[in-house]
């Protein structure tokens, strides 16, 4: 399973890339605003230069014509750019148009199997079901991932499943067990993945024994 990093913070991206855990990046208008950079196109180019993998930038237009125009501009920033399009009626038109031009699209804000099926038929390169937001309203986000993976396998769609709105390490584990192609993970969750109290305890014991050994040789 590939790890995308869900952030527009360049320092976090560089840090996680150095760990070998960054196969790509996803951004959205909220994350771009949080980064505090008004020169968003320049920031996306800088992210692409670091990642050297797929980087999703989201359109802000709501009509198909505007989405297509904005998508073409985003795609022109760097060969690694992927255009995020919301899964709406107008969005489906834009996904089909951009995909027809050879531009990779990440269909975002997906909350149902119906939506996932539609975006795959429209030619999206990626689909982003939001598991955390479904969990927030009492639905089973991971069941949606299971259903989408099954449907895509049934019909051999090339659309890759990106598990989005990841809130905690078990979302990552469940994504891997279900066979999702990608999980897009916030930096704070990436850091939690490596943490385990028994690792810390074991390391402390090893170092204590090593210190005793060195003291005994003095």
Protein backbone atom coordinates (compact mmCIF):
# COMPACT_ATOMS: atom_id res chain seq x y z
CA UNK A 1 0.00 0.00 0.00
CA UNK A 2 1.23 3.45 -0.89
CA UNK A 3 1.34 6.28 1.63
CA UNK A 4 0.30 9.75 0.50
CA UNK A 5 0.73 12.59 3.00
CA UNK A 6 -2.35 14.71 3.59
CA UNK A 7 -0.85 18.14 4.11
CA UNK A 8 0.47 21.25 2.39
CA UNK A 9 3.17 21.82 5.02
CA UNK A 10 6.46 21.61 3.14
CA UNK A 11 8.55 20.93 6.26
CA UNK A 12 6.37 17.96 7.22
CA UNK A 13 6.55 16.62 3.67
CA UNK A 14 10.35 16.85 3.63
CA UNK A 15 10.62 15.12 7.02
CA UNK A 16 8.36 12.23 6.06
CA UNK A 17 9.95 11.92 2.63
CA UNK A 18 13.31 11.45 4.38
CA UNK A 19 11.74 8.49 6.25
CA UNK A 20 10.83 6.87 2.94
CA UNK A 21 7.13 7.10 3.80
CA UNK A 22 5.94 9.62 1.21
CA UNK A 23 4.78 8.18 -2.12
CA UNK A 24 2.65 11.22 -2.88
CA UNK A 25 0.77 14.17 -1.35
CA UNK A 26 -2.84 15.26 -1.22
CA UNK A 27 -3.91 18.82 -0.54
CA UNK A 28 -7.21 20.67 -0.45
CA UNK A 29 -8.24 24.32 -0.01
CA UNK A 30 -8.36 23.95 3.79
CA UNK A 31 -4.84 22.50 3.95
CA UNK A 32 -3.52 25.15 1.58
CA UNK A 33 -5.04 27.87 3.78
CA UNK A 34 -3.49 26.26 6.87
CA UNK A 35 -0.08 26.38 5.19
CA UNK A 36 -0.41 30.16 5.10
CA UNK A 37 0.97 30.58 1.58
CA UNK A 38 -0.99 32.81 -0.78
CA UNK A 39 1.24 31.78 -3.70
CA UNK A 40 -0.45 28.39 -3.87
CA UNK A 41 0.80 27.53 -7.38
CA UNK A 42 4.39 28.09 -6.29
CA UNK A 43 3.81 25.96 -3.19
CA UNK A 44 2.42 23.10 -5.27
CA UNK A 45 5.47 23.25 -7.54
CA UNK A 46 7.76 23.10 -4.51
CA UNK A 47 5.86 20.11 -3.14
CA UNK A 48 6.14 18.33 -6.49
CA UNK A 49 9.89 18.95 -6.56
CA UNK A 50 10.27 17.32 -3.13
CA UNK A 51 7.88 14.42 -3.57
CA UNK A 52 8.62 13.38 -7.16
CA UNK A 53 5.30 11.53 -7.05
CA UNK A 54 1.58 12.31 -7.43
CA UNK A 55 0.53 15.60 -5.82
CA UNK A 56 -3.18 16.41 -5.71
CA UNK A 57 -4.31 20.01 -5.97
CA UNK A 58 -8.02 20.77 -5.70
CA UNK A 59 -10.14 23.04 -7.87
CA UNK A 60 -12.35 25.67 -6.26
CA UNK A 61 -14.78 26.22 -9.14
CA UNK A 62 -18.24 24.64 -8.76
CA UNK A 63 -19.31 24.43 -12.42
CA UNK A 64 -17.91 21.92 -14.90
CA UNK A 65 -16.50 24.55 -17.26
CA UNK A 66 -14.68 26.30 -14.42
CA UNK A 67 -13.39 23.01 -13.01
CA UNK A 68 -11.98 21.99 -16.37
CA UNK A 69 -10.25 25.34 -16.89
CA UNK A 70 -8.80 25.29 -13.37
CA UNK A 71 -7.85 21.63 -13.72
CA UNK A 72 -5.93 22.28 -16.91
CA UNK A 73 -4.03 25.09 -15.18
CA UNK A 74 -3.17 22.92 -12.18
CA UNK A 75 -2.08 20.05 -14.38
CA UNK A 76 0.23 22.43 -16.23
CA UNK A 77 2.15 23.34 -13.09
CA UNK A 78 4.16 20.11 -13.00
CA UNK A 79 3.99 16.62 -14.57
CA UNK A 80 3.36 15.16 -11.09
CA UNK A 81 0.18 17.16 -10.53
CA UNK A 82 -3.16 15.39 -10.09
CA UNK A 83 -6.38 17.41 -10.18
CA UNK A 84 -8.85 16.91 -7.32
CA UNK A 85 -12.46 17.26 -8.39
CA UNK A 86 -15.45 17.04 -6.01
CA UNK A 87 -17.88 14.22 -6.76
CA UNK A 88 -20.90 16.24 -7.82
CA UNK A 89 -23.01 16.25 -10.96
CA UNK A 90 -20.87 19.05 -12.42
CA UNK A 91 -17.78 17.32 -11.10
CA UNK A 92 -18.53 14.16 -13.07
CA UNK A 93 -18.64 16.21 -16.26
CA UNK A 94 -15.27 17.74 -15.39
CA UNK A 95 -13.76 14.35 -14.50
CA UNK A 96 -14.79 12.92 -17.85
CA UNK A 97 -13.50 15.97 -19.75
CA UNK A 98 -10.14 16.15 -17.98
CA UNK A 99 -9.59 12.39 -18.10
CA UNK A 100 -10.35 12.51 -21.81
CA UNK A 101 -7.49 14.99 -22.19
CA UNK A 102 -5.08 12.63 -20.41
CA UNK A 103 -5.11 14.60 -17.14
CA UNK A 104 -5.13 12.48 -13.99
CA UNK A 105 -8.08 13.20 -11.70
CA UNK A 106 -8.58 12.41 -8.00
CA UNK A 107 -12.33 12.27 -7.36
CA UNK A 108 -12.76 13.61 -3.84
CA UNK A 109 -15.52 13.85 -1.22
CA UNK A 110 -16.78 10.36 -1.97
CA UNK A 111 -19.19 8.87 0.60
CA UNK A 112 -20.98 6.07 -1.25
CA UNK A 113 -20.37 3.10 -3.53
CA UNK A 114 -22.62 4.75 -6.13
CA UNK A 115 -20.32 7.77 -6.25
CA UNK A 116 -17.24 5.56 -6.49
CA UNK A 117 -18.75 3.60 -9.37
CA UNK A 118 -19.65 6.78 -11.24
CA UNK A 119 -16.19 8.36 -10.97
CA UNK A 120 -14.52 5.15 -12.12
CA UNK A 121 -16.78 5.08 -15.18
CA UNK A 122 -15.96 8.75 -15.80
CA UNK A 123 -12.26 7.86 -15.94
CA UNK A 124 -10.88 9.10 -12.61
CA UNK A 125 -7.35 7.90 -11.86
CA UNK A 126 -8.06 7.97 -8.11
CA UNK A 127 -11.11 7.87 -5.85
CA UNK A 128 -10.99 9.34 -2.33
CA UNK A 129 -13.62 7.94 0.08
CA UNK A 130 -13.60 9.87 3.38
CA UNK A 131 -13.69 7.24 6.14
CA UNK A 132 -13.22 9.54 9.14
CA UNK A 133 -16.08 11.83 8.21
CA UNK A 134 -18.39 8.82 7.79
CA UNK A 135 -17.34 7.53 11.20
CA UNK A 136 -18.14 10.97 12.63
CA UNK A 137 -21.80 10.63 11.62
CA UNK A 138 -22.19 7.07 12.84
CA UNK A 139 -21.55 5.23 9.56
CA UNK A 140 -18.88 2.60 8.92
CA UNK A 141 -16.18 4.24 6.83
CA UNK A 142 -14.09 1.10 6.43
CA UNK A 143 -17.09 -0.88 5.18
CA UNK A 144 -17.31 1.63 2.35
CA UNK A 145 -13.66 0.93 1.48
CA UNK A 146 -14.34 -2.81 1.46
CA UNK A 147 -17.34 -2.36 -0.84
CA UNK A 148 -15.49 -0.07 -3.27
CA UNK A 149 -12.50 -2.41 -3.48
CA UNK A 150 -14.86 -5.32 -4.24
CA UNK A 151 -16.76 -3.41 -6.94
CA UNK A 152 -13.57 -2.25 -8.62
CA UNK A 153 -12.20 -5.78 -8.60
CA UNK A 154 -15.46 -7.12 -10.06
CA UNK A 155 -15.14 -4.88 -13.10
CA UNK A 156 -11.36 -4.47 -13.23
CA UNK A 157 -11.44 -0.68 -13.00
CA UNK A 158 -8.03 0.97 -13.07
CA UNK A 159 -9.10 3.67 -10.60
CA UNK A 160 -6.95 3.49 -7.47
CA UNK A 161 -8.62 3.69 -4.06
CA UNK A 162 -7.21 6.38 -1.76
CA UNK A 163 -8.47 6.01 1.81
CA UNK A 164 -8.94 9.62 2.92
CA UNK A 165 -9.92 11.40 6.16
CA UNK A 166 -7.66 9.02 8.08
CA UNK A 167 -7.90 9.81 11.79
CA UNK A 168 -5.81 7.17 13.59
CA UNK A 169 -3.44 4.22 13.04
CA UNK A 170 -6.21 1.59 12.89
CA UNK A 171 -7.62 3.31 9.82
CA UNK A 172 -4.26 2.61 8.17
CA UNK A 173 -4.20 -1.03 9.34
CA UNK A 174 -7.75 -1.65 8.16
CA UNK A 175 -6.99 -0.02 4.79
CA UNK A 176 -4.07 -2.37 4.26
CA UNK A 177 -6.10 -5.44 5.31
CA UNK A 178 -8.87 -4.51 2.85
CA UNK A 179 -6.42 -4.09 -0.03
CA UNK A 180 -6.79 -0.35 -0.62
CA UNK A 181 -4.18 0.99 -3.03
CA UNK A 182 -3.30 4.09 -1.00
CA UNK A 183 -3.96 5.75 2.34
CA UNK A 184 -3.52 9.50 2.53
CA UNK A 185 -2.37 10.17 6.05
CA UNK A 186 -1.89 13.35 8.10
CA UNK A 187 1.67 13.81 9.42
CA UNK A 188 0.59 13.36 13.05
CA UNK A 189 -0.85 9.92 12.25
CA UNK A 190 2.31 8.91 10.38
CA UNK A 191 4.25 9.65 13.56
CA UNK A 192 1.83 7.55 15.62
CA UNK A 193 2.29 4.54 13.33
CA UNK A 194 5.87 3.99 14.47
CA UNK A 195 5.20 4.47 18.19
CA UNK A 196 4.78 1.50 20.53
CA UNK A 197 5.38 1.48 24.30
CA UNK A 198 7.13 -1.90 24.17
CA UNK A 199 9.60 -0.53 21.62
CA UNK A 200 10.40 2.37 23.98
CA UNK A 201 10.66 0.01 26.95
CA UNK A 202 12.90 -2.43 25.09
CA UNK A 203 15.20 0.32 23.86
CA UNK A 204 15.50 1.76 27.37
CA UNK A 205 16.46 -1.69 28.71
CA UNK A 206 19.03 -2.24 25.96
CA UNK A 207 20.63 1.14 26.60
CA UNK A 208 20.69 0.57 30.37
CA UNK A 209 22.43 -2.78 29.89
CA UNK A 210 24.88 -1.20 27.46
CA UNK A 211 25.71 1.54 29.96
CA UNK A 212 26.34 -1.09 32.64
CA UNK A 213 28.62 -3.01 30.26
CA UNK A 214 30.62 0.09 29.40
CA UNK A 215 30.92 0.99 33.09
CA UNK A 216 32.10 -2.53 33.91
CA UNK A 217 34.95 -2.22 31.42
CA UNK A 218 36.23 0.99 32.95
